[in-house]
Amino acid sequence: MQLPVDGVFHNIAMTGVPVTLTAIASDGTVIDLGITTTNAYYGTFSKEWTTPNEGLYTITASFAGSDAYGISSASTAVSVGPAPASTQPILTTEVVDNTPVIYSVIGVGIIIIVAVAIVTLLVLRKR
């Protein structure tokens, strides 16, 4: 029977399980990262951690077991490189407002058109 994981009436409060995390550095140093709790619906988990050194770390997650599930563990590896160099401040450029210049150019253009039109009318009237 395919029933919802939180019960037919969605009334079962689900809780995650504790997972013990351990890191093993490439030189064999074992570091206890502590215990975190899984997401009850997906089984995923996470933990923030700052490595003491650069290098390859094997991360092992261990579940001690429960009444419903047996003991289990899994591992993965992560390579930690150097910290990024200090960032340079972002340089901002000043935005120049060219609106008055644009209006001046448009105004001069209109004056020239009006002057040409007046001269043309005067020349045509004399004929």
PDB file of N, CA and C in Angstrom:
ATOM      1  N   MET A   1       0.850  -1.186   0.000  1.00  0.00           N
ATOM      2  CA  MET A   1       0.000   0.000   0.000  1.00  0.00           C
ATOM      3  C   MET A   1       0.883   1.233   0.000  1.00  0.00           C
ATOM      4  N   GLN A   2       0.629   2.121  -0.928  1.00  0.00           N
ATOM      5  CA  GLN A   2       1.374   3.376  -0.990  1.00  0.00           C
ATOM      6  C   GLN A   2       0.620   4.429  -0.189  1.00  0.00           C
ATOM      7  N   LEU A   3       1.065   4.648   1.026  1.00  0.00           N
ATOM      8  CA  LEU A   3       0.445   5.633   1.895  1.00  0.00           C
ATOM      9  C   LEU A   3       1.371   6.835   2.021  1.00  0.00           C
ATOM     10  N   PRO A   4       0.811   8.011   2.276  1.00  0.00           N
ATOM     11  CA  PRO A   4       1.674   9.181   2.493  1.00  0.00           C
ATOM     12  C   PRO A   4       2.597   8.946   3.690  1.00  0.00           C
ATOM     13  N   VAL A   5       3.803   9.438   3.618  1.00  0.00           N
ATOM     14  CA  VAL A   5       4.761   9.206   4.698  1.00  0.00           C
ATOM     15  C   VAL A   5       4.328   9.840   6.013  1.00  0.00           C
ATOM     16  N   ASP A   6       3.479  10.859   5.937  1.00  0.00           N
ATOM     17  CA  ASP A   6       3.015  11.499   7.169  1.00  0.00           C
ATOM     18  C   ASP A   6       1.597  11.063   7.545  1.00  0.00           C
ATOM     19  N   GLY A   7       1.182   9.898   7.063  1.00  0.00           N
ATOM     20  CA  GLY A   7      -0.110   9.331   7.425  1.00  0.00           C
ATOM     21  C   GLY A   7      -1.202   9.664   6.431  1.00  0.00           C
ATOM     22  N   VAL A   8      -2.253   8.856   6.452  1.00  0.00           N
ATOM     23  CA  VAL A   8      -3.385   9.041   5.536  1.00  0.00           C
ATOM     24  C   VAL A   8      -4.011  10.415   5.714  1.00  0.00           C
ATOM     25  N   PHE A   9      -4.100  10.873   6.936  1.00  0.00           N
ATOM     26  CA  PHE A   9      -4.721  12.161   7.228  1.00  0.00           C
ATOM     27  C   PHE A   9      -3.689  13.258   7.454  1.00  0.00           C
ATOM     28  N   HIS A  10      -2.441  12.994   7.090  1.00  0.00           N
ATOM     29  CA  HIS A  10      -1.333  13.949   7.265  1.00  0.00           C
ATOM     30  C   HIS A  10      -1.238  14.421   8.720  1.00  0.00           C
ATOM     31  N   ASN A  11      -1.425  13.476   9.629  1.00  0.00           N
ATOM     32  CA  ASN A  11      -1.449  13.821  11.046  1.00  0.00           C
ATOM     33  C   ASN A  11      -0.291  13.207  11.835  1.00  0.00           C
ATOM     34  N   ILE A  12       0.647  12.611  11.164  1.00  0.00           N
ATOM     35  CA  ILE A  12       1.782  12.013  11.855  1.00  0.00           C
ATOM     36  C   ILE A  12       2.952  12.987  11.807  1.00  0.00           C
ATOM     37  N   ALA A  13       3.428  13.370  12.968  1.00  0.00           N
ATOM     38  CA  ALA A  13       4.573  14.286  13.048  1.00  0.00           C
ATOM     39  C   ALA A  13       5.844  13.474  12.794  1.00  0.00           C
ATOM     40  N   MET A  14       6.530  13.816  11.742  1.00  0.00           N
ATOM     41  CA  MET A  14       7.751  13.102  11.391  1.00  0.00           C
ATOM     42  C   MET A  14       8.952  13.853  11.935  1.00  0.00           C
ATOM     43  N   THR A  15       9.918  13.104  12.423  1.00  0.00           N
ATOM     44  CA  THR A  15      11.162  13.706  12.891  1.00  0.00           C
ATOM     45  C   THR A  15      12.328  12.992  12.229  1.00  0.00           C
ATOM     46  N   GLY A  16      13.390  13.731  12.031  1.00  0.00           N
ATOM     47  CA  GLY A  16      14.582  13.140  11.437  1.00  0.00           C
ATOM     48  C   GLY A  16      15.337  12.312  12.448  1.00  0.00           C
ATOM     49  N   VAL A  17      16.419  11.696  12.002  1.00  0.00           N
ATOM     50  CA  VAL A  17      17.235  10.870  12.882  1.00  0.00           C
ATOM     51  C   VAL A  17      18.607  11.509  13.041  1.00  0.00           C
ATOM     52  N   PRO A  18      19.281  11.249  14.151  1.00  0.00           N
ATOM     53  CA  PRO A  18      20.613  11.821  14.346  1.00  0.00           C
ATOM     54  C   PRO A  18      21.665  11.094  13.500  1.00  0.00           C
ATOM     55  N   VAL A  19      22.554  11.878  12.916  1.00  0.00           N
ATOM     56  CA  VAL A  19      23.644  11.336  12.107  1.00  0.00           C
ATOM     57  C   VAL A  19      24.945  11.928  12.650  1.00  0.00           C
ATOM     58  N   THR A  20      25.912  11.071  12.915  1.00  0.00           N
ATOM     59  CA  THR A  20      27.222  11.512  13.398  1.00  0.00           C
ATOM     60  C   THR A  20      28.131  11.729  12.202  1.00  0.00           C
ATOM     61  N   LEU A  21      28.774  12.887  12.142  1.00  0.00           N
ATOM     62  CA  LEU A  21      29.654  13.224  11.025  1.00  0.00           C
ATOM     63  C   LEU A  21      31.111  13.254  11.486  1.00  0.00           C
ATOM     64  N   THR A  22      31.968  12.658  10.668  1.00  0.00           N
ATOM     65  CA  THR A  22      33.401  12.610  10.946  1.00  0.00           C
ATOM     66  C   THR A  22      34.147  12.961   9.677  1.00  0.00           C
ATOM     67  N   ALA A  23      35.209  13.737   9.817  1.00  0.00           N
ATOM     68  CA  ALA A  23      36.064  14.074   8.673  1.00  0.00           C
ATOM     69  C   ALA A  23      37.427  13.431   8.899  1.00  0.00           C
ATOM     70  N   ILE A  24      37.980  12.875   7.829  1.00  0.00           N
ATOM     71  CA  ILE A  24      39.323  12.310   7.888  1.00  0.00           C
ATOM     72  C   ILE A  24      40.160  13.044   6.854  1.00  0.00           C
ATOM     73  N   ALA A  25      41.189  13.753   7.329  1.00  0.00           N
ATOM     74  CA  ALA A  25      42.066  14.524   6.443  1.00  0.00           C
ATOM     75  C   ALA A  25      42.978  13.566   5.684  1.00  0.00           C
ATOM     76  N   SER A  26      43.581  14.066   4.611  1.00  0.00           N
ATOM     77  CA  SER A  26      44.454  13.224   3.788  1.00  0.00           C
ATOM     78  C   SER A  26      45.680  12.731   4.565  1.00  0.00           C
ATOM     79  N   ASP A  27      46.040  13.406   5.654  1.00  0.00           N
ATOM     80  CA  ASP A  27      47.170  12.948   6.471  1.00  0.00           C
ATOM     81  C   ASP A  27      46.745  11.960   7.555  1.00  0.00           C
ATOM     82  N   GLY A  28      45.443  11.588   7.574  1.00  0.00           N
ATOM     83  CA  GLY A  28      44.941  10.608   8.530  1.00  0.00           C
ATOM     84  C   GLY A  28      44.329  11.206   9.785  1.00  0.00           C
ATOM     85  N   THR A  29      44.393  12.516   9.946  1.00  0.00           N
ATOM     86  CA  THR A  29      43.813  13.173  11.119  1.00  0.00           C
ATOM     87  C   THR A  29      42.298  13.002  11.101  1.00  0.00           C
ATOM     88  N   VAL A  30      41.741  12.538  12.217  1.00  0.00           N
ATOM     89  CA  VAL A  30      40.295  12.344  12.345  1.00  0.00           C
ATOM     90  C   VAL A  30      39.722  13.531  13.110  1.00  0.00           C
ATOM     91  N   ILE A  31      38.656  14.125  12.531  1.00  0.00           N
ATOM     92  CA  ILE A  31      38.026  15.303  13.138  1.00  0.00           C
ATOM     93  C   ILE A  31      36.549  14.993  13.353  1.00  0.00           C
ATOM     94  N   ASP A  32      36.085  15.082  14.594  1.00  0.00           N
ATOM     95  CA  ASP A  32      34.669  14.868  14.910  1.00  0.00           C
ATOM     96  C   ASP A  32      33.904  16.139  14.562  1.00  0.00           C
ATOM     97  N   LEU A  33      32.990  16.048  13.629  1.00  0.00           N
ATOM     98  CA  LEU A  33      32.202  17.220  13.221  1.00  0.00           C
ATOM     99  C   LEU A  33      30.917  17.368  14.024  1.00  0.00           C
ATOM    100  N   GLY A  34      30.585  16.375  14.814  1.00  0.00           N
ATOM    101  CA  GLY A  34      29.395  16.457  15.650  1.00  0.00           C
ATOM    102  C   GLY A  34      28.222  15.692  15.067  1.00  0.00           C
ATOM    103  N   ILE A  35      27.061  15.981  15.600  1.00  0.00           N
ATOM    104  CA  ILE A  35      25.829  15.287  15.210  1.00  0.00           C
ATOM    105  C   ILE A  35      24.880  16.287  14.576  1.00  0.00           C
ATOM    106  N   THR A  36      24.241  15.867  13.513  1.00  0.00           N
ATOM    107  CA  THR A  36      23.208  16.671  12.872  1.00  0.00           C
ATOM    108  C   THR A  36      21.972  15.791  12.714  1.00  0.00           C
ATOM    109  N   THR A  37      20.829  16.396  12.430  1.00  0.00           N
ATOM    110  CA  THR A  37      19.583  15.648  12.278  1.00  0.00           C
ATOM    111  C   THR A  37      19.136  15.681  10.827  1.00  0.00           C
ATOM    112  N   THR A  38      18.693  14.541  10.328  1.00  0.00           N
ATOM    113  CA  THR A  38      18.248  14.459   8.939  1.00  0.00           C
ATOM    114  C   THR A  38      16.903  15.146   8.759  1.00  0.00           C
ATOM    115  N   ASN A  39      16.594  15.488   7.516  1.00  0.00           N
ATOM    116  CA  ASN A  39      15.282  15.970   7.147  1.00  0.00           C
ATOM    117  C   ASN A  39      14.358  14.753   7.162  1.00  0.00           C
ATOM    118  N   ALA A  40      13.241  14.832   7.846  1.00  0.00           N
ATOM    119  CA  ALA A  40      12.366  13.672   8.020  1.00  0.00           C
ATOM    120  C   ALA A  40      11.763  13.171   6.712  1.00  0.00           C
ATOM    121  N   TYR A  41      11.524  14.052   5.775  1.00  0.00           N
ATOM    122  CA  TYR A  41      10.882  13.642   4.528  1.00  0.00           C
ATOM    123  C   TYR A  41      11.876  13.098   3.509  1.00  0.00           C
ATOM    124  N   TYR A  42      13.061  13.653   3.452  1.00  0.00           N
ATOM    125  CA  TYR A  42      14.001  13.301   2.389  1.00  0.00           C
ATOM    126  C   TYR A  42      15.225  12.530   2.864  1.00  0.00           C
ATOM    127  N   GLY A  43      15.526  12.581   4.144  1.00  0.00           N
ATOM    128  CA  GLY A  43      16.698  11.891   4.663  1.00  0.00           C
ATOM    129  C   GLY A  43      17.991  12.659   4.459  1.00  0.00           C
ATOM    130  N   THR A  44      17.916  13.860   3.938  1.00  0.00           N
ATOM    131  CA  THR A  44      19.123  14.665   3.706  1.00  0.00           C
ATOM    132  C   THR A  44      19.534  15.365   4.990  1.00  0.00           C
ATOM    133  N   PHE A  45      20.770  15.813   5.019  1.00  0.00           N
ATOM    134  CA  PHE A  45      21.273  16.532   6.180  1.00  0.00           C
ATOM    135  C   PHE A  45      22.402  17.435   5.731  1.00  0.00           C
ATOM    136  N   SER A  46      22.770  18.376   6.590  1.00  0.00           N
ATOM    137  CA  SER A  46      23.863  19.289   6.276  1.00  0.00           C
ATOM    138  C   SER A  46      24.506  19.748   7.574  1.00  0.00           C
ATOM    139  N   LYS A  47      25.712  20.291   7.433  1.00  0.00           N
ATOM    140  CA  LYS A  47      26.444  20.778   8.599  1.00  0.00           C
ATOM    141  C   LYS A  47      27.474  21.783   8.116  1.00  0.00           C
ATOM    142  N   GLU A  48      27.531  22.937   8.746  1.00  0.00           N
ATOM    143  CA  GLU A  48      28.571  23.913   8.422  1.00  0.00           C
ATOM    144  C   GLU A  48      29.825  23.547   9.197  1.00  0.00           C
ATOM    145  N   TRP A  49      30.979  23.745   8.525  1.00  0.00           N
ATOM    146  CA  TRP A  49      32.236  23.372   9.154  1.00  0.00           C
ATOM    147  C   TRP A  49      33.354  24.125   8.464  1.00  0.00           C
ATOM    148  N   THR A  50      34.299  24.632   9.227  1.00  0.00           N
ATOM    149  CA  THR A  50      35.471  25.298   8.674  1.00  0.00           C
ATOM    150  C   THR A  50      36.663  24.366   8.833  1.00  0.00           C
ATOM    151  N   THR A  51      37.278  24.029   7.709  1.00  0.00           N
ATOM    152  CA  THR A  51      38.409  23.104   7.757  1.00  0.00           C
ATOM    153  C   THR A  51      39.634  23.782   8.372  1.00  0.00           C
ATOM    154  N   PRO A  52      40.445  23.020   9.098  1.00  0.00           N
ATOM    155  CA  PRO A  52      41.642  23.613   9.679  1.00  0.00           C
ATOM    156  C   PRO A  52      42.739  23.850   8.636  1.00  0.00           C
ATOM    157  N   ASN A  53      42.751  23.051   7.568  1.00  0.00           N
ATOM    158  CA  ASN A  53      43.791  23.150   6.534  1.00  0.00           C
ATOM    159  C   ASN A  53      43.200  22.837   5.168  1.00  0.00           C
ATOM    160  N   GLU A  54      43.946  23.170   4.152  1.00  0.00           N
ATOM    161  CA  GLU A  54      43.567  22.785   2.792  1.00  0.00           C
ATOM    162  C   GLU A  54      43.833  21.299   2.637  1.00  0.00           C
ATOM    163  N   GLY A  55      43.211  20.687   1.631  1.00  0.00           N
ATOM    164  CA  GLY A  55      43.489  19.280   1.342  1.00  0.00           C
ATOM    165  C   GLY A  55      42.222  18.496   1.085  1.00  0.00           C
ATOM    166  N   LEU A  56      42.384  17.200   0.966  1.00  0.00           N
ATOM    167  CA  LEU A  56      41.273  16.290   0.693  1.00  0.00           C
ATOM    168  C   LEU A  56      40.746  15.748   2.016  1.00  0.00           C
ATOM    169  N   TYR A  57      39.442  15.824   2.206  1.00  0.00           N
ATOM    170  CA  TYR A  57      38.803  15.310   3.410  1.00  0.00           C
ATOM    171  C   TYR A  57      37.753  14.274   3.008  1.00  0.00           C
ATOM    172  N   THR A  58      37.746  13.146   3.704  1.00  0.00           N
ATOM    173  CA  THR A  58      36.699  12.149   3.528  1.00  0.00           C
ATOM    174  C   THR A  58      35.705  12.366   4.658  1.00  0.00           C
ATOM    175  N   ILE A  59      34.450  12.618   4.303  1.00  0.00           N
ATOM    176  CA  ILE A  59      33.400  12.887   5.285  1.00  0.00           C
ATOM    177  C   ILE A  59      32.557  11.620   5.409  1.00  0.00           C
ATOM    178  N   THR A  60      32.429  11.120   6.641  1.00  0.00           N
ATOM    179  CA  THR A  60      31.653   9.912   6.899  1.00  0.00           C
ATOM    180  C   THR A  60      30.439  10.273   7.743  1.00  0.00           C
ATOM    181  N   ALA A  61      29.269   9.796   7.310  1.00  0.00           N
ATOM    182  CA  ALA A  61      28.028   9.973   8.059  1.00  0.00           C
ATOM    183  C   ALA A  61      27.620   8.606   8.595  1.00  0.00           C
ATOM    184  N   SER A  62      27.369   8.536   9.902  1.00  0.00           N
ATOM    185  CA  SER A  62      27.016   7.261  10.532  1.00  0.00           C
ATOM    186  C   SER A  62      25.685   7.384  11.258  1.00  0.00           C
ATOM    187  N   PHE A  63      24.799   6.409  10.998  1.00  0.00           N
ATOM    188  CA  PHE A  63      23.507   6.343  11.679  1.00  0.00           C
ATOM    189  C   PHE A  63      23.568   5.146  12.616  1.00  0.00           C
ATOM    190  N   ALA A  64      23.268   5.361  13.901  1.00  0.00           N
ATOM    191  CA  ALA A  64      23.413   4.311  14.914  1.00  0.00           C
ATOM    192  C   ALA A  64      22.315   3.255  14.861  1.00  0.00           C
ATOM    193  N   GLY A  65      21.271   3.500  14.069  1.00  0.00           N
ATOM    194  CA  GLY A  65      20.175   2.535  13.985  1.00  0.00           C
ATOM    195  C   GLY A  65      19.023   2.923  14.889  1.00  0.00           C
ATOM    196  N   SER A  66      17.874   2.290  14.658  1.00  0.00           N
ATOM    197  CA  SER A  66      16.680   2.548  15.466  1.00  0.00           C
ATOM    198  C   SER A  66      15.835   1.283  15.470  1.00  0.00           C
ATOM    199  N   ASP A  67      14.633   1.384  16.030  1.00  0.00           N
ATOM    200  CA  ASP A  67      13.726   0.234  16.020  1.00  0.00           C
ATOM    201  C   ASP A  67      13.277  -0.097  14.600  1.00  0.00           C
ATOM    202  N   ALA A  68      13.282   0.888  13.725  1.00  0.00           N
ATOM    203  CA  ALA A  68      12.789   0.683  12.367  1.00  0.00           C
ATOM    204  C   ALA A  68      13.900   0.378  11.352  1.00  0.00           C
ATOM    205  N   TYR A  69      15.112   0.867  11.592  1.00  0.00           N
ATOM    206  CA  TYR A  69      16.202   0.710  10.629  1.00  0.00           C
ATOM    207  C   TYR A  69      17.479   0.264  11.329  1.00  0.00           C
ATOM    208  N   GLY A  70      18.294  -0.449  10.605  1.00  0.00           N
ATOM    209  CA  GLY A  70      19.560  -0.905  11.145  1.00  0.00           C
ATOM    210  C   GLY A  70      20.638   0.162  11.037  1.00  0.00           C
ATOM    211  N   ILE A  71      21.809  -0.174  11.519  1.00  0.00           N
ATOM    212  CA  ILE A  71      22.956   0.726  11.461  1.00  0.00           C
ATOM    213  C   ILE A  71      23.344   0.930  10.009  1.00  0.00           C
ATOM    214  N   SER A  72      23.732   2.166   9.669  1.00  0.00           N
ATOM    215  CA  SER A  72      24.202   2.424   8.304  1.00  0.00           C
ATOM    216  C   SER A  72      25.199   3.565   8.323  1.00  0.00           C
ATOM    217  N   SER A  73      25.982   3.648   7.251  1.00  0.00           N
ATOM    218  CA  SER A  73      26.928   4.754   7.108  1.00  0.00           C
ATOM    219  C   SER A  73      27.222   4.944   5.636  1.00  0.00           C
ATOM    220  N   ALA A  74      27.735   6.114   5.322  1.00  0.00           N
ATOM    221  CA  ALA A  74      28.121   6.445   3.947  1.00  0.00           C
ATOM    222  C   ALA A  74      29.212   7.490   4.031  1.00  0.00           C
ATOM    223  N   SER A  75      29.972   7.620   2.948  1.00  0.00           N
ATOM    224  CA  SER A  75      31.021   8.641   2.957  1.00  0.00           C
ATOM    225  C   SER A  75      31.152   9.271   1.587  1.00  0.00           C
ATOM    226  N   THR A  76      31.776  10.425   1.579  1.00  0.00           N
ATOM    227  CA  THR A  76      32.079  11.159   0.363  1.00  0.00           C
ATOM    228  C   THR A  76      33.362  11.923   0.620  1.00  0.00           C
ATOM    229  N   ALA A  77      33.901  12.525  -0.411  1.00  0.00           N
ATOM    230  CA  ALA A  77      35.140  13.281  -0.232  1.00  0.00           C
ATOM    231  C   ALA A  77      34.961  14.686  -0.776  1.00  0.00           C
ATOM    232  N   VAL A  78      35.692  15.613  -0.194  1.00  0.00           N
ATOM    233  CA  VAL A  78      35.655  16.999  -0.636  1.00  0.00           C
ATOM    234  C   VAL A  78      37.081  17.542  -0.612  1.00  0.00           C
ATOM    235  N   SER A  79      37.414  18.274  -1.646  1.00  0.00           N
ATOM    236  CA  SER A  79      38.731  18.899  -1.717  1.00  0.00           C
ATOM    237  C   SER A  79      38.598  20.363  -1.324  1.00  0.00           C
ATOM    238  N   VAL A  80      39.418  20.788  -0.387  1.00  0.00           N
ATOM    239  CA  VAL A  80      39.361  22.159   0.107  1.00  0.00           C
ATOM    240  C   VAL A  80      40.595  22.893  -0.385  1.00  0.00           C
ATOM    241  N   GLY A  81      40.377  23.949  -1.157  1.00  0.00           N
ATOM    242  CA  GLY A  81      41.472  24.749  -1.700  1.00  0.00           C
ATOM    243  C   GLY A  81      41.717  25.977  -0.850  1.00  0.00           C
ATOM    244  N   PRO A  82      42.615  26.828  -1.310  1.00  0.00           N
ATOM    245  CA  PRO A  82      42.921  28.044  -0.551  1.00  0.00           C
ATOM    246  C   PRO A  82      41.735  29.001  -0.535  1.00  0.00           C
ATOM    247  N   ALA A  83      41.689  29.797   0.493  1.00  0.00           N
ATOM    248  CA  ALA A  83      40.636  30.812   0.591  1.00  0.00           C
ATOM    249  C   ALA A  83      40.846  31.832  -0.522  1.00  0.00           C
ATOM    250  N   PRO A  84      39.770  32.392  -1.037  1.00  0.00           N
ATOM    251  CA  PRO A  84      39.928  33.390  -2.092  1.00  0.00           C
ATOM    252  C   PRO A  84      40.679  34.618  -1.571  1.00  0.00           C
ATOM    253  N   ALA A  85      41.419  35.240  -2.471  1.00  0.00           N
ATOM    254  CA  ALA A  85      42.148  36.459  -2.102  1.00  0.00           C
ATOM    255  C   ALA A  85      41.144  37.525  -1.687  1.00  0.00           C
ATOM    256  N   SER A  86      41.612  38.462  -0.892  1.00  0.00           N
ATOM    257  CA  SER A  86      40.707  39.520  -0.454  1.00  0.00           C
ATOM    258  C   SER A  86      40.137  40.228  -1.678  1.00  0.00           C
ATOM    259  N   THR A  87      38.888  40.525  -1.582  1.00  0.00           N
ATOM    260  CA  THR A  87      38.217  41.143  -2.717  1.00  0.00           C
ATOM    261  C   THR A  87      38.524  42.626  -2.764  1.00  0.00           C
ATOM    262  N   GLN A  88      38.635  43.137  -3.952  1.00  0.00           N
ATOM    263  CA  GLN A  88      38.854  44.565  -4.158  1.00  0.00           C
ATOM    264  C   GLN A  88      37.511  45.281  -4.058  1.00  0.00           C
ATOM    265  N   PRO A  89      37.500  46.489  -3.560  1.00  0.00           N
ATOM    266  CA  PRO A  89      36.227  47.216  -3.511  1.00  0.00           C
ATOM    267  C   PRO A  89      35.707  47.452  -4.928  1.00  0.00           C
ATOM    268  N   ILE A  90      34.423  47.409  -5.059  1.00  0.00           N
ATOM    269  CA  ILE A  90      33.795  47.631  -6.353  1.00  0.00           C
ATOM    270  C   ILE A  90      33.815  49.126  -6.648  1.00  0.00           C
ATOM    271  N   LEU A  91      34.408  49.466  -7.774  1.00  0.00           N
ATOM    272  CA  LEU A  91      34.480  50.870  -8.165  1.00  0.00           C
ATOM    273  C   LEU A  91      33.183  51.248  -8.866  1.00  0.00           C
ATOM    274  N   THR A  92      32.622  52.341  -8.443  1.00  0.00           N
ATOM    275  CA  THR A  92      31.404  52.811  -9.083  1.00  0.00           C
ATOM    276  C   THR A  92      31.741  54.010  -9.948  1.00  0.00           C
ATOM    277  N   THR A  93      31.041  54.137 -11.028  1.00  0.00           N
ATOM    278  CA  THR A  93      31.255  55.285 -11.903  1.00  0.00           C
ATOM    279  C   THR A  93      30.094  56.246 -11.722  1.00  0.00           C
ATOM    280  N   GLU A  94      30.421  57.516 -11.804  1.00  0.00           N
ATOM    281  CA  GLU A  94      29.386  58.533 -11.658  1.00  0.00           C
ATOM    282  C   GLU A  94      28.622  58.622 -12.969  1.00  0.00           C
ATOM    283  N   VAL A  95      27.325  58.600 -12.875  1.00  0.00           N
ATOM    284  CA  VAL A  95      26.475  58.715 -14.051  1.00  0.00           C
ATOM    285  C   VAL A  95      26.290  60.198 -14.357  1.00  0.00           C
ATOM    286  N   VAL A  96      26.631  60.563 -15.588  1.00  0.00           N
ATOM    287  CA  VAL A  96      26.516  61.956 -16.002  1.00  0.00           C
ATOM    288  C   VAL A  96      25.139  62.167 -16.609  1.00  0.00           C
ATOM    289  N   ASP A  97      24.456  63.201 -16.150  1.00  0.00           N
ATOM    290  CA  ASP A  97      23.138  63.522 -16.686  1.00  0.00           C
ATOM    291  C   ASP A  97      23.311  64.444 -17.893  1.00  0.00           C
ATOM    292  N   ASN A  98      23.051  63.887 -19.073  1.00  0.00           N
ATOM    293  CA  ASN A  98      23.204  64.647 -20.314  1.00  0.00           C
ATOM    294  C   ASN A  98      21.901  65.298 -20.772  1.00  0.00           C
ATOM    295  N   THR A  99      20.899  65.307 -19.948  1.00  0.00           N
ATOM    296  CA  THR A  99      19.600  65.860 -20.338  1.00  0.00           C
ATOM    297  C   THR A  99      19.694  67.319 -20.783  1.00  0.00           C
ATOM    298  N   PRO A 100      20.375  68.221 -20.056  1.00  0.00           N
ATOM    299  CA  PRO A 100      20.447  69.614 -20.523  1.00  0.00           C
ATOM    300  C   PRO A 100      21.129  69.733 -21.887  1.00  0.00           C
ATOM    301  N   VAL A 101      22.152  68.951 -22.139  1.00  0.00           N
ATOM    302  CA  VAL A 101      22.854  69.007 -23.427  1.00  0.00           C
ATOM    303  C   VAL A 101      21.918  68.561 -24.540  1.00  0.00           C
ATOM    304  N   ILE A 102      21.171  67.492 -24.293  1.00  0.00           N
ATOM    305  CA  ILE A 102      20.236  66.992 -25.316  1.00  0.00           C
ATOM    306  C   ILE A 102      19.185  68.047 -25.631  1.00  0.00           C
ATOM    307  N   TYR A 103      18.620  68.675 -24.581  1.00  0.00           N
ATOM    308  CA  TYR A 103      17.614  69.705 -24.817  1.00  0.00           C
ATOM    309  C   TYR A 103      18.218  70.901 -25.562  1.00  0.00           C
ATOM    310  N   SER A 104      19.459  71.241 -25.279  1.00  0.00           N
ATOM    311  CA  SER A 104      20.115  72.344 -25.983  1.00  0.00           C
ATOM    312  C   SER A 104      20.283  72.016 -27.456  1.00  0.00           C
ATOM    313  N   VAL A 105      20.713  70.810 -27.762  1.00  0.00           N
ATOM    314  CA  VAL A 105      20.896  70.405 -29.164  1.00  0.00           C
ATOM    315  C   VAL A 105      19.554  70.412 -29.887  1.00  0.00           C
ATOM    316  N   ILE A 106      18.520  69.902 -29.231  1.00  0.00           N
ATOM    317  CA  ILE A 106      17.181  69.907 -29.854  1.00  0.00           C
ATOM    318  C   ILE A 106      16.713  71.341 -30.073  1.00  0.00           C
ATOM    319  N   GLY A 107      16.934  72.199 -29.072  1.00  0.00           N
ATOM    320  CA  GLY A 107      16.519  73.607 -29.200  1.00  0.00           C
ATOM    321  C   GLY A 107      17.234  74.304 -30.344  1.00  0.00           C
ATOM    322  N   VAL A 108      18.561  74.107 -30.465  1.00  0.00           N
ATOM    323  CA  VAL A 108      19.328  74.716 -31.559  1.00  0.00           C
ATOM    324  C   VAL A 108      18.826  74.180 -32.895  1.00  0.00           C
ATOM    325  N   GLY A 109      18.528  72.897 -32.949  1.00  0.00           N
ATOM    326  CA  GLY A 109      18.011  72.306 -34.191  1.00  0.00           C
ATOM    327  C   GLY A 109      16.690  72.929 -34.601  1.00  0.00           C
ATOM    328  N   ILE A 110      15.812  73.130 -33.640  1.00  0.00           N
ATOM    329  CA  ILE A 110      14.511  73.755 -33.942  1.00  0.00           C
ATOM    330  C   ILE A 110      14.704  75.189 -34.417  1.00  0.00           C
ATOM    331  N   ILE A 111      15.616  75.924 -33.772  1.00  0.00           N
ATOM    332  CA  ILE A 111      15.880  77.314 -34.182  1.00  0.00           C
ATOM    333  C   ILE A 111      16.405  77.351 -35.614  1.00  0.00           C
ATOM    334  N   ILE A 112      17.304  76.441 -35.957  1.00  0.00           N
ATOM    335  CA  ILE A 112      17.849  76.411 -37.325  1.00  0.00           C
ATOM    336  C   ILE A 112      16.746  76.096 -38.324  1.00  0.00           C
ATOM    337  N   ILE A 113      15.880  75.130 -38.004  1.00  0.00           N
ATOM    338  CA  ILE A 113      14.776  74.790 -38.917  1.00  0.00           C
ATOM    339  C   ILE A 113      13.844  75.970 -39.100  1.00  0.00           C
ATOM    340  N   VAL A 114      13.503  76.657 -38.011  1.00  0.00           N
ATOM    341  CA  VAL A 114      12.614  77.823 -38.103  1.00  0.00           C
ATOM    342  C   VAL A 114      13.290  78.926 -38.918  1.00  0.00           C
ATOM    343  N   ALA A 115      14.588  79.169 -38.714  1.00  0.00           N
ATOM    344  CA  ALA A 115      15.303  80.213 -39.463  1.00  0.00           C
ATOM    345  C   ALA A 115      15.317  79.889 -40.956  1.00  0.00           C
ATOM    346  N   VAL A 116      15.580  78.640 -41.305  1.00  0.00           N
ATOM    347  CA  VAL A 116      15.586  78.240 -42.726  1.00  0.00           C
ATOM    348  C   VAL A 116      14.192  78.417 -43.318  1.00  0.00           C
ATOM    349  N   ALA A 117      13.164  78.071 -42.558  1.00  0.00           N
ATOM    350  CA  ALA A 117      11.799  78.223 -43.055  1.00  0.00           C
ATOM    351  C   ALA A 117      11.469  79.691 -43.287  1.00  0.00           C
ATOM    352  N   ILE A 118      11.872  80.561 -42.376  1.00  0.00           N
ATOM    353  CA  ILE A 118      11.603  82.002 -42.534  1.00  0.00           C
ATOM    354  C   ILE A 118      12.343  82.550 -43.750  1.00  0.00           C
ATOM    355  N   VAL A 119      13.612  82.184 -43.901  1.00  0.00           N
ATOM    356  CA  VAL A 119      14.386  82.658 -45.050  1.00  0.00           C
ATOM    357  C   VAL A 119      13.748  82.143 -46.341  1.00  0.00           C
ATOM    358  N   THR A 120      13.311  80.920 -46.360  1.00  0.00           N
ATOM    359  CA  THR A 120      12.667  80.351 -47.555  1.00  0.00           C
ATOM    360  C   THR A 120      11.379  81.103 -47.875  1.00  0.00           C
ATOM    361  N   LEU A 121      10.569  81.402 -46.866  1.00  0.00           N
ATOM    362  CA  LEU A 121       9.335  82.154 -47.100  1.00  0.00           C
ATOM    363  C   LEU A 121       9.631  83.556 -47.640  1.00  0.00           C
ATOM    364  N   LEU A 122      10.627  84.221 -47.105  1.00  0.00           N
ATOM    365  CA  LEU A 122      10.971  85.557 -47.562  1.00  0.00           C
ATOM    366  C   LEU A 122      11.458  85.524 -49.003  1.00  0.00           C
ATOM    367  N   VAL A 123      12.260  84.526 -49.336  1.00  0.00           N
ATOM    368  CA  VAL A 123      12.774  84.420 -50.710  1.00  0.00           C
ATOM    369  C   VAL A 123      11.621  84.134 -51.677  1.00  0.00           C
ATOM    370  N   LEU A 124      10.711  83.262 -51.288  1.00  0.00           N
ATOM    371  CA  LEU A 124       9.591  82.917 -52.159  1.00  0.00           C
ATOM    372  C   LEU A 124       8.621  84.094 -52.330  1.00  0.00           C
ATOM    373  N   ARG A 125       8.429  84.962 -51.354  1.00  0.00           N
ATOM    374  CA  ARG A 125       7.544  86.114 -51.451  1.00  0.00           C
ATOM    375  C   ARG A 125       8.091  87.158 -52.399  1.00  0.00           C
ATOM    376  N   LYS A 126       9.398  87.311 -52.442  1.00  0.00           N
ATOM    377  CA  LYS A 126       9.998  88.319 -53.307  1.00  0.00           C
ATOM    378  C   LYS A 126       9.819  87.943 -54.780  1.00  0.00           C
ATOM    379  N   ARG A 127       9.651  86.737 -55.139  1.00  0.00           N
ATOM    380  CA  ARG A 127       9.488  86.320 -56.532  1.00  0.00           C
ATOM    381  C   ARG A 127       8.136  86.605 -56.968  1.00  0.00           C
TER     382      ARG A 127
END
